[in-house]
Amino acid sequence: MPPPPPDAQGHSGARLKSTVDLVALHVTVTDKRGDLVTDLNKDNFKVYENKVRQDISLFSRADIPVSAGLVVDNSGSMREKRAQVNAAAMTFVKTSNPEDEMFVVNFNDEYYLDTPGDFTNSQTALQDALSRIDTHGSTALYDAVAGSLTHLKKGHRDKRVLLLVTDGDDDASRLTFPETIRKAEKSDATIYAVGVYSEDDREHDKRMVRRSMKILTELAEATGGRAYFPADLSEVKPICEHVAQEIRSQYTIGYYPTDTAQDGTFREVSVKVIPPKGAGKVEVLTRPGYYAPTASADSGN
């Protein structure tokens, strides 16, 4: 199948991967104030793979529906936080594209899919799933993230997102952190993480908080997402609203790699933006790379 024509525009519900060779990047651009920049065109972007300039074959800034997972810590330490966290998660749902499909995973020392079927766009079903609060036990964070990434593969959208909310460090998973990072890198999903630590955590368990913040930051950055660490629970709701708006305002850029070797290696990707004259500096956020496919296996496995 030939590549799509230059400046091919996406639309709601569009399929982004016309062939297995196309690399699709979801790119967020913000100005120095952190506001979303949404008026750029293809000529403002340059894409590099392993430092080699790539030709952009697909360019769009469309509000593309996503498959999304809400992955929420249900361990004992979350008991006093869940009401506000649930309200914030529902703000994310209500601010998102109505055509998005979502699921809820609650986790403590195990993780549980708490929405009916594989996905839903019913706000009532999502609210019910978030309300199944049984806060107890430990924190199997890595297992919950890995299991949710696997479940995302059942989604019908090419753009995939996890919103992860937790207040602790993993102490119950079977998987290791390096195994979880590698799965995240190979998933094509974007992870947004919110660490909700209490004042007591920050004051009396500083080592745990630092370790948890580092883990959430690395998970998010490995997938082109962000990690947030609100000083107060009241900040979680506007963070979730901002994340939903960011997802809906991203640019989609696709290219056919000049290196066509199916060797399974990690390819570093960078996107640079040339702002319009007088626009000032911008920040660009996208995934830092991907694993090339192999001749015998799909890269998502």
Protein backbone atom coordinates (compact mmCIF):
# COMPACT_ATOMS: atom_id res chain seq x y z
CA MET A 1 0.00 0.00 0.00
CA PRO A 2 1.52 3.39 -0.92
CA PRO A 3 2.03 6.02 1.79
CA PRO A 4 -0.80 8.51 2.26
CA PRO A 5 -0.42 11.85 0.50
CA PRO A 6 1.38 14.68 2.33
CA ASP A 7 -0.74 16.61 4.86
CA ALA A 8 -3.25 13.72 5.09
CA GLN A 9 -5.79 14.92 7.61
CA GLY A 10 -7.24 12.71 10.34
CA HIS A 11 -10.83 12.90 11.50
CA SER A 12 -12.87 11.65 14.41
CA GLY A 13 -12.53 7.88 14.58
CA ALA A 14 -9.76 7.79 11.94
CA ARG A 15 -7.49 4.79 11.72
CA LEU A 16 -3.92 6.04 12.01
CA LYS A 17 -1.92 2.97 11.06
CA SER A 18 -2.49 2.39 7.38
CA THR A 19 0.38 -0.10 7.24
CA VAL A 20 2.60 -1.79 9.80
CA ASP A 21 5.49 0.46 8.71
CA LEU A 22 3.94 3.78 9.66
CA VAL A 23 5.21 5.24 12.93
CA ALA A 24 2.50 7.42 14.50
CA LEU A 25 3.48 9.99 17.13
CA HIS A 26 1.08 11.94 19.32
CA VAL A 27 2.71 15.29 20.05
CA THR A 28 1.87 17.92 22.65
CA VAL A 29 3.19 21.45 22.21
CA THR A 30 3.02 24.04 25.00
CA ASP A 31 4.28 27.62 25.31
CA LYS A 32 6.41 29.06 28.11
CA ARG A 33 3.30 29.49 30.28
CA GLY A 34 2.36 25.85 29.82
CA ASP A 35 -0.63 26.66 27.60
CA LEU A 36 -1.38 24.33 24.69
CA VAL A 37 -0.24 25.53 21.26
CA THR A 38 -2.78 24.29 18.72
CA ASP A 39 -2.26 26.45 15.58
CA LEU A 40 0.90 24.94 14.08
CA ASN A 41 1.13 23.27 10.67
CA LYS A 42 3.25 20.54 9.17
CA ASP A 43 6.04 22.93 8.20
CA ASN A 44 6.61 23.81 11.86
CA PHE A 45 7.67 20.23 12.67
CA LYS A 46 10.82 18.20 12.08
CA VAL A 47 10.98 14.51 13.01
CA TYR A 48 14.17 12.51 13.59
CA GLU A 49 14.74 8.80 14.13
CA ASN A 50 18.15 7.90 15.51
CA LYS A 51 19.14 11.50 14.57
CA VAL A 52 18.18 10.96 10.91
CA ARG A 53 15.56 13.38 9.52
CA GLN A 54 12.33 11.65 8.45
CA ASP A 55 9.75 12.77 5.90
CA ILE A 56 6.36 13.47 7.47
CA SER A 57 3.70 11.48 5.61
CA LEU A 58 0.73 12.12 7.89
CA PHE A 59 -0.08 15.30 9.78
CA SER A 60 -3.21 16.18 11.72
CA ARG A 61 -4.46 18.07 14.73
CA ALA A 62 -7.77 16.36 15.09
CA ASP A 63 -9.65 15.40 18.23
CA ILE A 64 -9.11 11.68 17.74
CA PRO A 65 -11.06 9.37 20.10
CA VAL A 66 -8.93 7.21 22.36
CA SER A 67 -9.03 3.94 24.24
CA ALA A 68 -8.26 4.84 27.84
CA GLY A 69 -7.80 3.12 31.16
CA LEU A 70 -8.32 4.72 34.56
CA VAL A 71 -5.94 2.85 36.88
CA VAL A 72 -6.58 3.82 40.51
CA ASP A 73 -4.79 2.76 43.67
CA ASN A 74 -7.19 1.03 46.08
CA SER A 75 -4.68 0.18 48.80
CA GLY A 76 -5.32 0.95 52.45
CA SER A 77 -3.52 4.30 52.40
CA MET A 78 -5.97 5.66 49.80
CA ARG A 79 -9.02 5.39 52.10
CA GLU A 80 -9.26 9.12 52.87
CA LYS A 81 -8.35 10.16 49.32
CA ARG A 82 -10.63 8.10 47.10
CA ALA A 83 -13.66 10.40 47.16
CA GLN A 84 -11.70 13.33 45.72
CA VAL A 85 -9.72 11.08 43.39
CA ASN A 86 -12.93 9.58 42.03
CA ALA A 87 -14.40 13.04 41.45
CA ALA A 88 -11.22 14.04 39.61
CA ALA A 89 -11.31 10.90 37.48
CA MET A 90 -14.90 11.64 36.50
CA THR A 91 -13.82 15.16 35.51
CA PHE A 92 -11.34 13.49 33.16
CA VAL A 93 -14.16 11.36 31.73
CA LYS A 94 -16.52 14.32 31.25
CA THR A 95 -13.82 16.49 29.64
CA SER A 96 -12.75 13.76 27.22
CA ASN A 97 -14.08 13.09 23.72
CA PRO A 98 -17.58 11.55 23.96
CA GLU A 99 -16.45 8.87 21.50
CA ASP A 100 -13.66 7.66 23.80
CA GLU A 101 -13.92 4.13 25.17
CA MET A 102 -12.70 3.54 28.70
CA PHE A 103 -12.25 1.01 31.48
CA VAL A 104 -11.47 1.21 35.19
CA VAL A 105 -8.87 -0.89 37.00
CA ASN A 106 -8.76 -0.67 40.79
CA PHE A 107 -5.70 -2.21 42.44
CA ASN A 108 -4.22 -3.06 45.80
CA ASP A 109 -2.21 -6.29 46.15
CA GLU A 110 -4.16 -7.47 43.08
CA TYR A 111 -5.76 -5.56 40.23
CA TYR A 112 -9.39 -5.76 39.11
CA LEU A 113 -11.20 -4.74 35.95
CA ASP A 114 -14.32 -3.10 37.37
CA THR A 115 -16.18 -1.99 34.24
CA PRO A 116 -18.67 -4.21 32.36
CA GLY A 117 -17.29 -5.69 29.15
CA ASP A 118 -13.90 -4.65 27.88
CA PHE A 119 -14.66 -0.93 27.45
CA THR A 120 -17.53 1.48 27.96
CA ASN A 121 -18.42 5.09 27.22
CA SER A 122 -21.15 5.14 29.85
CA GLN A 123 -20.42 7.74 32.53
CA THR A 124 -22.71 5.87 34.90
CA ALA A 125 -20.78 2.62 34.45
CA LEU A 126 -17.45 4.39 34.96
CA GLN A 127 -18.76 6.17 38.07
CA ASP A 128 -20.00 2.87 39.47
CA ALA A 129 -16.63 1.23 38.81
CA LEU A 130 -14.74 4.02 40.56
CA SER A 131 -17.13 3.80 43.50
CA ARG A 132 -16.22 0.17 44.22
CA ILE A 133 -13.93 1.24 47.04
CA ASP A 134 -12.48 -1.48 49.25
CA THR A 135 -9.29 0.22 50.35
CA HIS A 136 -7.01 -2.33 51.98
CA GLY A 137 -3.82 -4.23 51.39
CA SER A 138 -0.60 -3.44 49.59
CA THR A 139 0.28 -1.79 46.25
CA ALA A 140 0.85 -3.98 43.17
CA LEU A 141 1.51 -0.97 40.96
CA TYR A 142 3.65 -2.67 38.30
CA ASP A 143 1.25 -5.58 37.85
CA ALA A 144 -1.70 -3.17 37.54
CA VAL A 145 0.05 -1.04 34.92
CA ALA A 146 1.19 -4.07 32.92
CA GLY A 147 -2.23 -5.71 33.08
CA SER A 148 -3.92 -2.47 32.01
CA LEU A 149 -1.53 -2.07 29.07
CA THR A 150 -2.42 -5.60 27.98
CA HIS A 151 -6.13 -4.80 28.26
CA LEU A 152 -5.66 -1.64 26.16
CA LYS A 153 -4.73 -3.86 23.21
CA LYS A 154 -8.38 -4.90 23.05
CA GLY A 155 -9.35 -1.30 22.33
CA HIS A 156 -10.79 -0.16 19.02
CA ARG A 157 -8.85 3.13 18.90
CA ASP A 158 -5.30 3.52 17.69
CA LYS A 159 -4.59 6.23 20.26
CA ARG A 160 -4.28 4.70 23.73
CA VAL A 161 -3.90 6.29 27.16
CA LEU A 162 -3.58 5.27 30.80
CA LEU A 163 -4.37 7.68 33.64
CA LEU A 164 -2.69 6.28 36.75
CA VAL A 165 -3.41 7.61 40.25
CA THR A 166 -1.51 6.29 43.26
CA ASP A 167 -0.09 7.38 46.60
CA GLY A 168 2.55 4.78 47.16
CA ASP A 169 5.51 2.67 46.20
CA ASP A 170 5.10 -0.81 44.75
CA ASP A 171 5.40 -3.50 47.41
CA ALA A 172 3.40 -6.43 46.03
CA SER A 173 3.98 -6.95 42.29
CA ARG A 174 5.27 -10.05 40.60
CA LEU A 175 6.77 -7.94 37.82
CA THR A 176 9.85 -5.76 38.27
CA PHE A 177 10.08 -2.10 37.36
CA PRO A 178 12.41 -2.71 34.36
CA GLU A 179 9.93 -5.29 33.01
CA THR A 180 7.10 -2.80 33.41
CA ILE A 181 9.03 0.01 31.70
CA ARG A 182 9.83 -2.22 28.74
CA LYS A 183 6.19 -3.25 28.41
CA ALA A 184 5.19 0.42 28.51
CA GLU A 185 7.72 1.34 25.82
CA LYS A 186 6.41 -1.41 23.55
CA SER A 187 2.74 -0.62 24.12
CA ASP A 188 2.27 2.56 22.02
CA ALA A 189 0.21 3.86 24.95
CA THR A 190 0.75 7.17 26.72
CA ILE A 191 0.81 7.10 30.52
CA TYR A 192 -0.20 10.09 32.63
CA ALA A 193 0.57 9.57 36.32
CA VAL A 194 -0.68 11.46 39.36
CA GLY A 195 1.06 10.92 42.70
CA VAL A 196 -1.23 11.89 45.59
CA TYR A 197 0.91 11.94 48.74
CA SER A 198 -0.37 13.13 52.08
CA GLU A 199 1.40 15.72 54.20
CA ASP A 200 2.32 12.90 56.57
CA ASP A 201 3.86 10.90 53.69
CA ARG A 202 5.94 13.89 52.59
CA GLU A 203 7.14 14.60 56.12
CA HIS A 204 7.68 11.14 57.61
CA ASP A 205 8.24 8.83 54.63
CA LYS A 206 10.35 11.00 52.36
CA ARG A 207 12.31 8.08 50.96
CA MET A 208 9.14 6.30 49.79
CA VAL A 209 7.78 9.51 48.25
CA ARG A 210 11.03 10.21 46.37
CA ARG A 211 11.18 6.64 45.09
CA SER A 212 7.53 6.68 44.04
CA MET A 213 7.91 10.05 42.28
CA LYS A 214 10.92 8.77 40.38
CA ILE A 215 9.05 5.64 39.26
CA LEU A 216 5.97 7.56 38.11
CA THR A 217 8.11 10.12 36.28
CA GLU A 218 10.06 7.43 34.44
CA LEU A 219 6.88 5.54 33.49
CA ALA A 220 5.29 8.69 32.08
CA GLU A 221 8.36 9.96 30.27
CA ALA A 222 9.02 6.56 28.67
CA THR A 223 5.66 6.83 26.90
CA GLY A 224 5.46 10.53 26.07
CA GLY A 225 3.21 11.36 29.02
CA ARG A 226 3.60 13.46 32.14
CA ALA A 227 3.75 12.86 35.88
CA TYR A 228 2.03 15.26 38.27
CA PHE A 229 2.57 15.63 42.02
CA PRO A 230 -0.10 17.94 43.45
CA ALA A 231 0.63 19.55 46.79
CA ASP A 232 -3.01 19.07 47.80
CA LEU A 233 -5.86 16.76 46.82
CA SER A 234 -7.85 19.75 45.58
CA GLU A 235 -5.36 20.05 42.70
CA VAL A 236 -6.10 16.58 41.32
CA LYS A 237 -9.35 17.60 39.62
CA PRO A 238 -7.83 20.44 37.53
CA ILE A 239 -4.90 18.17 36.67
CA CYS A 240 -7.25 15.50 35.30
CA GLU A 241 -9.17 18.14 33.35
CA HIS A 242 -5.91 19.45 31.87
CA VAL A 243 -4.79 15.95 30.89
CA ALA A 244 -8.09 15.35 29.04
CA GLN A 245 -7.72 18.66 27.20
CA GLU A 246 -4.11 17.88 26.32
CA ILE A 247 -5.05 14.52 24.83
CA ARG A 248 -7.74 16.19 22.69
CA SER A 249 -5.32 18.90 21.49
CA GLN A 250 -2.39 16.77 20.36
CA TYR A 251 -0.91 16.72 16.90
CA THR A 252 -0.63 13.36 15.15
CA ILE A 253 2.47 12.95 13.01
CA GLY A 254 3.22 9.83 10.97
CA TYR A 255 6.27 8.81 9.00
CA TYR A 256 7.70 5.79 7.21
CA PRO A 257 11.17 5.11 8.70
CA THR A 258 14.15 5.32 6.37
CA ASP A 259 15.61 2.39 8.33
CA THR A 260 13.36 -0.51 7.35
CA ALA A 261 15.31 -3.25 9.13
CA GLN A 262 13.03 -5.55 11.14
CA ASP A 263 15.62 -6.09 13.86
CA GLY A 264 13.64 -5.39 17.04
CA THR A 265 15.98 -2.60 18.14
CA PHE A 266 14.92 0.51 20.02
CA ARG A 267 14.76 3.55 17.73
CA GLU A 268 15.15 6.96 19.37
CA VAL A 269 12.66 9.53 18.15
CA SER A 270 12.71 13.30 18.57
CA VAL A 271 10.36 15.99 17.34
CA LYS A 272 11.49 19.58 16.97
CA VAL A 273 9.20 22.55 16.46
CA ILE A 274 10.09 25.76 14.65
CA PRO A 275 7.68 28.27 16.21
CA PRO A 276 6.10 30.96 14.05
CA LYS A 277 8.03 34.22 14.05
CA GLY A 278 7.56 36.07 17.31
CA ALA A 279 5.82 33.15 19.00
CA GLY A 280 8.58 32.42 21.51
CA LYS A 281 9.96 29.10 22.72
CA VAL A 282 7.81 26.01 23.01
CA GLU A 283 8.05 22.64 24.76
CA VAL A 284 7.46 19.46 22.75
CA LEU A 285 6.30 16.22 24.35
CA THR A 286 6.06 12.84 22.63
CA ARG A 287 7.30 9.31 23.19
CA PRO A 288 11.12 9.08 23.08
CA GLY A 289 11.20 6.09 20.74
CA TYR A 290 9.79 2.72 19.79
CA TYR A 291 10.90 -0.86 19.21
CA ALA A 292 11.23 -1.82 15.58
CA PRO A 293 9.24 -4.90 14.54
CA THR A 294 10.94 -8.22 14.00
CA ALA A 295 10.48 -10.51 11.05
CA SER A 296 8.84 -13.16 13.24
CA ALA A 297 6.87 -11.18 15.85
CA ASP A 298 4.77 -8.07 16.24
CA SER A 299 6.51 -5.25 18.11
CA GLY A 300 3.65 -4.96 20.60
CA ASN A 301 4.19 -8.45 22.00
